Structures are given as C-alpha cells and as structure tokens.
Amino acid sequence: MPAAVPSVSARALNTPFKTNKQWIQDSTGKNFTYVGVNWPGAADVMIPEGLQYASIESIVSKIKSLKMNVVRLTFAIEMIDNIKDNGGDVTIQNAFNKALGTTNGPKVYQQVIKSNPQFNEKTTRIQVEIHANSLAA
C-alpha cells in the first residue's frame, strides 16, 4: 500500500528540513516527501501558462487540492534580461501582442483578463509572476 502524502498545512511549519542518509526530514525528525508540480511560465508571453482558462487562484487551489506541497513556477530568464536591458517590464497586453501577434494576442489577453480580473492594461509580466508565486507559497 502506498504511503499517504503528508498534508501541506500540517507539515509546513516543521522547518528547517535536514537530510539523514537518503531521507529528507522535518524539524521533528519525520520523513518528508516532496510532492509537486511544474507550472510553466517561460513560453513566449513569459507569464504562468493557462491563465486564459482559469484564474491563478483556481489553479493554485486545484494544486493544493491534489495535496501537492511544492510548486515549481518557472519563468523566462529572457524576461529578466528584458527588464534589465529596457529599464522596466512590459505589460502583459504588450507581451501577448508581441508573442501571438495583433490578431491572436488581444483575443488571448482578453481571456486572461476575464479569468483574472485583478489584472488590467497596466499589469506587467513580473507582477503576474509575483502574484502567482505569492499564492502558490
């Protein structure tokens, strides 16, 4: 019978973790198993993927309901280079237009805004990453 996945809320405070031979253990000495998911965000638009289909809150809630205790939220190094080289970030609206063109970019951007009404024409890519990261923590 497979071992039960530890509850995130019950185990999250038992840090710091340490290693003991092949095991990762929490501060109480109990074995801890990372159970996680990758959430890609390094594609052409350079924001977490799937936001045209669901809100960040909904996606994070689904991840948590699956008893995942770690989320690897990837991001594009190119985005950081763009921010550094250009003295700031671009809006997600501009990012969609650049990545998907002026026909498809606005359509997908509107879907993202419909699913995530906290974003608007001033929201930047890094703000979306920070918001997703804060909820996934």
C-alpha atoms as a PDB file:
ATOM      1  CA  MET A   1       0.000   0.000   0.000  1.00  0.00           C
ATOM      2  CA  PRO A   2       1.477   3.408  -0.962  1.00  0.00           C
ATOM      3  CA  ALA A   3       2.346   5.849   1.800  1.00  0.00           C
ATOM      4  CA  ALA A   4      -0.047   8.729   2.349  1.00  0.00           C
ATOM      5  CA  VAL A   5       1.051  12.124   1.097  1.00  0.00           C
ATOM      6  CA  PRO A   6       1.656  14.455   4.052  1.00  0.00           C
ATOM      7  CA  SER A   7      -0.729  17.377   4.388  1.00  0.00           C
ATOM      8  CA  VAL A   8       0.826  20.704   3.435  1.00  0.00           C
ATOM      9  CA  SER A   9      -0.794  22.609   6.283  1.00  0.00           C
ATOM     10  CA  ALA A  10       0.139  20.029   8.892  1.00  0.00           C
ATOM     11  CA  ARG A  11       3.785  19.821   7.843  1.00  0.00           C
ATOM     12  CA  ALA A  12       4.609  23.287   6.509  1.00  0.00           C
ATOM     13  CA  LEU A  13       5.695  24.696   9.874  1.00  0.00           C
ATOM     14  CA  ASN A  14       8.073  21.865  10.743  1.00  0.00           C
ATOM     15  CA  THR A  15      11.094  23.510   9.190  1.00  0.00           C
ATOM     16  CA  PRO A  16      14.003  23.658   8.683  1.00  0.00           C
ATOM     17  CA  PHE A  17      14.445  20.438   6.786  1.00  0.00           C
ATOM     18  CA  LYS A  18      17.565  18.324   7.087  1.00  0.00           C
ATOM     19  CA  THR A  19      18.899  15.215   5.432  1.00  0.00           C
ATOM     20  CA  ASN A  20      19.552  11.881   7.090  1.00  0.00           C
ATOM     21  CA  LYS A  21      21.179   9.475   4.664  1.00  0.00           C
ATOM     22  CA  GLN A  22      18.712   9.221   1.752  1.00  0.00           C
ATOM     23  CA  TRP A  23      15.839  10.897   3.652  1.00  0.00           C
ATOM     24  CA  ILE A  24      14.663  14.478   3.944  1.00  0.00           C
ATOM     25  CA  GLN A  25      13.357  15.068   7.437  1.00  0.00           C
ATOM     26  CA  ASP A  26      11.416  17.895   9.013  1.00  0.00           C
ATOM     27  CA  SER A  27      12.453  19.532  12.296  1.00  0.00           C
ATOM     28  CA  THR A  28      10.610  16.828  14.279  1.00  0.00           C
ATOM     29  CA  GLY A  29      12.638  14.063  12.602  1.00  0.00           C
ATOM     30  CA  LYS A  30       9.751  12.755  10.473  1.00  0.00           C
ATOM     31  CA  ASN A  31      10.480  11.861   6.867  1.00  0.00           C
ATOM     32  CA  PHE A  32       9.176  14.452   4.427  1.00  0.00           C
ATOM     33  CA  THR A  33       8.365  13.699   0.806  1.00  0.00           C
ATOM     34  CA  TYR A  34       8.208  16.478  -1.746  1.00  0.00           C
ATOM     35  CA  VAL A  35       5.143  16.025  -3.942  1.00  0.00           C
ATOM     36  CA  GLY A  36       4.952  18.713  -6.541  1.00  0.00           C
ATOM     37  CA  VAL A  37       4.089  20.060  -9.910  1.00  0.00           C
ATOM     38  CA  ASN A  38       5.763  22.234 -12.524  1.00  0.00           C
ATOM     39  CA  TRP A  39       3.807  25.323 -13.577  1.00  0.00           C
ATOM     40  CA  PRO A  40       5.486  26.577 -16.736  1.00  0.00           C
ATOM     41  CA  GLY A  41       5.876  30.273 -17.295  1.00  0.00           C
ATOM     42  CA  ALA A  42       8.774  30.503 -19.711  1.00  0.00           C
ATOM     43  CA  ALA A  43       6.887  30.380 -23.015  1.00  0.00           C
ATOM     44  CA  ASP A  44       6.624  33.275 -25.466  1.00  0.00           C
ATOM     45  CA  VAL A  45       4.401  35.551 -23.345  1.00  0.00           C
ATOM     46  CA  MET A  46       6.536  34.859 -20.254  1.00  0.00           C
ATOM     47  CA  ILE A  47       3.738  34.526 -17.698  1.00  0.00           C
ATOM     48  CA  PRO A  48       2.393  31.391 -15.980  1.00  0.00           C
ATOM     49  CA  GLU A  49       0.566  29.292 -18.538  1.00  0.00           C
ATOM     50  CA  GLY A  50      -3.148  28.530 -18.523  1.00  0.00           C
ATOM     51  CA  LEU A  51      -4.391  31.889 -17.245  1.00  0.00           C
ATOM     52  CA  GLN A  52      -6.691  32.243 -20.248  1.00  0.00           C
ATOM     53  CA  TYR A  53      -8.580  29.193 -18.980  1.00  0.00           C
ATOM     54  CA  ALA A  54      -8.652  29.737 -15.202  1.00  0.00           C
ATOM     55  CA  SER A  55      -7.703  32.233 -12.538  1.00  0.00           C
ATOM     56  CA  ILE A  56      -4.451  31.993 -10.655  1.00  0.00           C
ATOM     57  CA  GLU A  57      -6.497  31.381  -7.511  1.00  0.00           C
ATOM     58  CA  SER A  58      -8.335  28.497  -9.155  1.00  0.00           C
ATOM     59  CA  ILE A  59      -5.144  26.900 -10.465  1.00  0.00           C
ATOM     60  CA  VAL A  60      -3.399  27.183  -7.085  1.00  0.00           C
ATOM     61  CA  SER A  61      -6.496  25.824  -5.332  1.00  0.00           C
ATOM     62  CA  LYS A  62      -6.509  22.810  -7.667  1.00  0.00           C
ATOM     63  CA  ILE A  63      -2.813  22.177  -6.997  1.00  0.00           C
ATOM     64  CA  LYS A  64      -3.423  22.336  -3.245  1.00  0.00           C
ATOM     65  CA  SER A  65      -6.481  20.056  -3.506  1.00  0.00           C
ATOM     66  CA  LEU A  66      -4.198  17.422  -5.040  1.00  0.00           C
ATOM     67  CA  LYS A  67      -2.092  17.582  -1.838  1.00  0.00           C
ATOM     68  CA  MET A  68       0.934  18.983  -3.636  1.00  0.00           C
ATOM     69  CA  ASN A  69       3.412  20.519  -1.216  1.00  0.00           C
ATOM     70  CA  VAL A  70       5.709  22.241  -3.713  1.00  0.00           C
ATOM     71  CA  VAL A  71       5.141  24.220  -6.910  1.00  0.00           C
ATOM     72  CA  ARG A  72       7.985  24.880  -9.303  1.00  0.00           C
ATOM     73  CA  LEU A  73       6.848  28.077 -11.007  1.00  0.00           C
ATOM     74  CA  THR A  74       9.210  28.546 -13.911  1.00  0.00           C
ATOM     75  CA  PHE A  75       9.969  31.868 -15.542  1.00  0.00           C
ATOM     76  CA  ALA A  76      11.896  33.056 -18.551  1.00  0.00           C
ATOM     77  CA  ILE A  77      15.387  34.388 -17.892  1.00  0.00           C
ATOM     78  CA  GLU A  78      14.765  36.406 -21.058  1.00  0.00           C
ATOM     79  CA  MET A  79      12.081  38.349 -19.173  1.00  0.00           C
ATOM     80  CA  ILE A  80      14.594  39.413 -16.530  1.00  0.00           C
ATOM     81  CA  ASP A  81      17.089  40.341 -19.259  1.00  0.00           C
ATOM     82  CA  ASN A  82      14.367  42.408 -20.982  1.00  0.00           C
ATOM     83  CA  ILE A  83      13.571  44.233 -17.753  1.00  0.00           C
ATOM     84  CA  LYS A  84      17.245  44.960 -17.089  1.00  0.00           C
ATOM     85  CA  ASP A  85      18.065  45.997 -20.663  1.00  0.00           C
ATOM     86  CA  ASN A  86      14.958  48.146 -21.152  1.00  0.00           C
ATOM     87  CA  GLY A  87      14.782  49.780 -17.729  1.00  0.00           C
ATOM     88  CA  GLY A  88      11.498  48.075 -16.831  1.00  0.00           C
ATOM     89  CA  ASP A  89       8.982  45.439 -17.755  1.00  0.00           C
ATOM     90  CA  VAL A  90       6.281  45.442 -20.416  1.00  0.00           C
ATOM     91  CA  THR A  91       2.595  44.934 -19.800  1.00  0.00           C
ATOM     92  CA  ILE A  92       1.049  41.531 -20.336  1.00  0.00           C
ATOM     93  CA  GLN A  93      -1.118  43.128 -23.007  1.00  0.00           C
ATOM     94  CA  ASN A  94       2.008  44.113 -24.975  1.00  0.00           C
ATOM     95  CA  ALA A  95       3.598  40.723 -24.275  1.00  0.00           C
ATOM     96  CA  PHE A  96       0.596  38.905 -25.764  1.00  0.00           C
ATOM     97  CA  ASN A  97       0.652  41.129 -28.857  1.00  0.00           C
ATOM     98  CA  LYS A  98       4.391  40.588 -29.347  1.00  0.00           C
ATOM     99  CA  ALA A  99       4.237  36.825 -28.779  1.00  0.00           C
ATOM    100  CA  LEU A 100       0.976  35.969 -30.545  1.00  0.00           C
ATOM    101  CA  GLY A 101       0.559  38.842 -32.993  1.00  0.00           C
ATOM    102  CA  THR A 102      -2.048  41.563 -33.214  1.00  0.00           C
ATOM    103  CA  THR A 103      -4.811  39.146 -34.242  1.00  0.00           C
ATOM    104  CA  ASN A 104      -4.461  36.401 -31.611  1.00  0.00           C
ATOM    105  CA  GLY A 105      -2.671  38.397 -28.890  1.00  0.00           C
ATOM    106  CA  PRO A 106      -5.645  40.612 -27.979  1.00  0.00           C
ATOM    107  CA  LYS A 107      -8.026  37.622 -28.011  1.00  0.00           C
ATOM    108  CA  VAL A 108      -5.969  35.582 -25.572  1.00  0.00           C
ATOM    109  CA  TYR A 109      -5.220  38.675 -23.450  1.00  0.00           C
ATOM    110  CA  GLN A 110      -8.978  39.281 -23.086  1.00  0.00           C
ATOM    111  CA  GLN A 111      -9.449  35.663 -21.993  1.00  0.00           C
ATOM    112  CA  VAL A 112      -6.739  36.126 -19.339  1.00  0.00           C
ATOM    113  CA  ILE A 113      -8.412  39.328 -18.093  1.00  0.00           C
ATOM    114  CA  LYS A 114     -11.806  37.592 -17.989  1.00  0.00           C
ATOM    115  CA  SER A 115     -10.355  34.754 -15.883  1.00  0.00           C
ATOM    116  CA  ASN A 116      -8.148  37.082 -13.806  1.00  0.00           C
ATOM    117  CA  PRO A 117      -9.955  40.411 -13.348  1.00  0.00           C
ATOM    118  CA  GLN A 118      -7.311  41.640 -10.889  1.00  0.00           C
ATOM    119  CA  PHE A 119      -5.094  42.271 -13.942  1.00  0.00           C
ATOM    120  CA  ASN A 120      -5.530  45.174 -16.337  1.00  0.00           C
ATOM    121  CA  GLU A 121      -3.787  47.089 -19.135  1.00  0.00           C
ATOM    122  CA  LYS A 122      -1.090  48.266 -16.682  1.00  0.00           C
ATOM    123  CA  THR A 123      -0.222  44.822 -15.276  1.00  0.00           C
ATOM    124  CA  THR A 124       3.309  43.714 -16.099  1.00  0.00           C
ATOM    125  CA  ARG A 125       4.661  40.206 -16.580  1.00  0.00           C
ATOM    126  CA  ILE A 126       6.670  40.318 -13.361  1.00  0.00           C
ATOM    127  CA  GLN A 127       3.577  41.392 -11.402  1.00  0.00           C
ATOM    128  CA  VAL A 128       1.764  38.290 -12.666  1.00  0.00           C
ATOM    129  CA  GLU A 129       4.728  36.093 -11.645  1.00  0.00           C
ATOM    130  CA  ILE A 130       4.848  37.672  -8.177  1.00  0.00           C
ATOM    131  CA  HIS A 131       1.091  37.231  -7.708  1.00  0.00           C
ATOM    132  CA  ALA A 132       1.210  33.570  -8.762  1.00  0.00           C
ATOM    133  CA  ASN A 133       4.240  32.922  -6.591  1.00  0.00           C
ATOM    134  CA  SER A 134       2.657  34.517  -3.521  1.00  0.00           C
ATOM    135  CA  LEU A 135      -0.456  32.361  -3.805  1.00  0.00           C
ATOM    136  CA  ALA A 136       1.471  29.169  -4.507  1.00  0.00           C
ATOM    137  CA  ALA A 137       3.666  29.646  -1.425  1.00  0.00           C
END
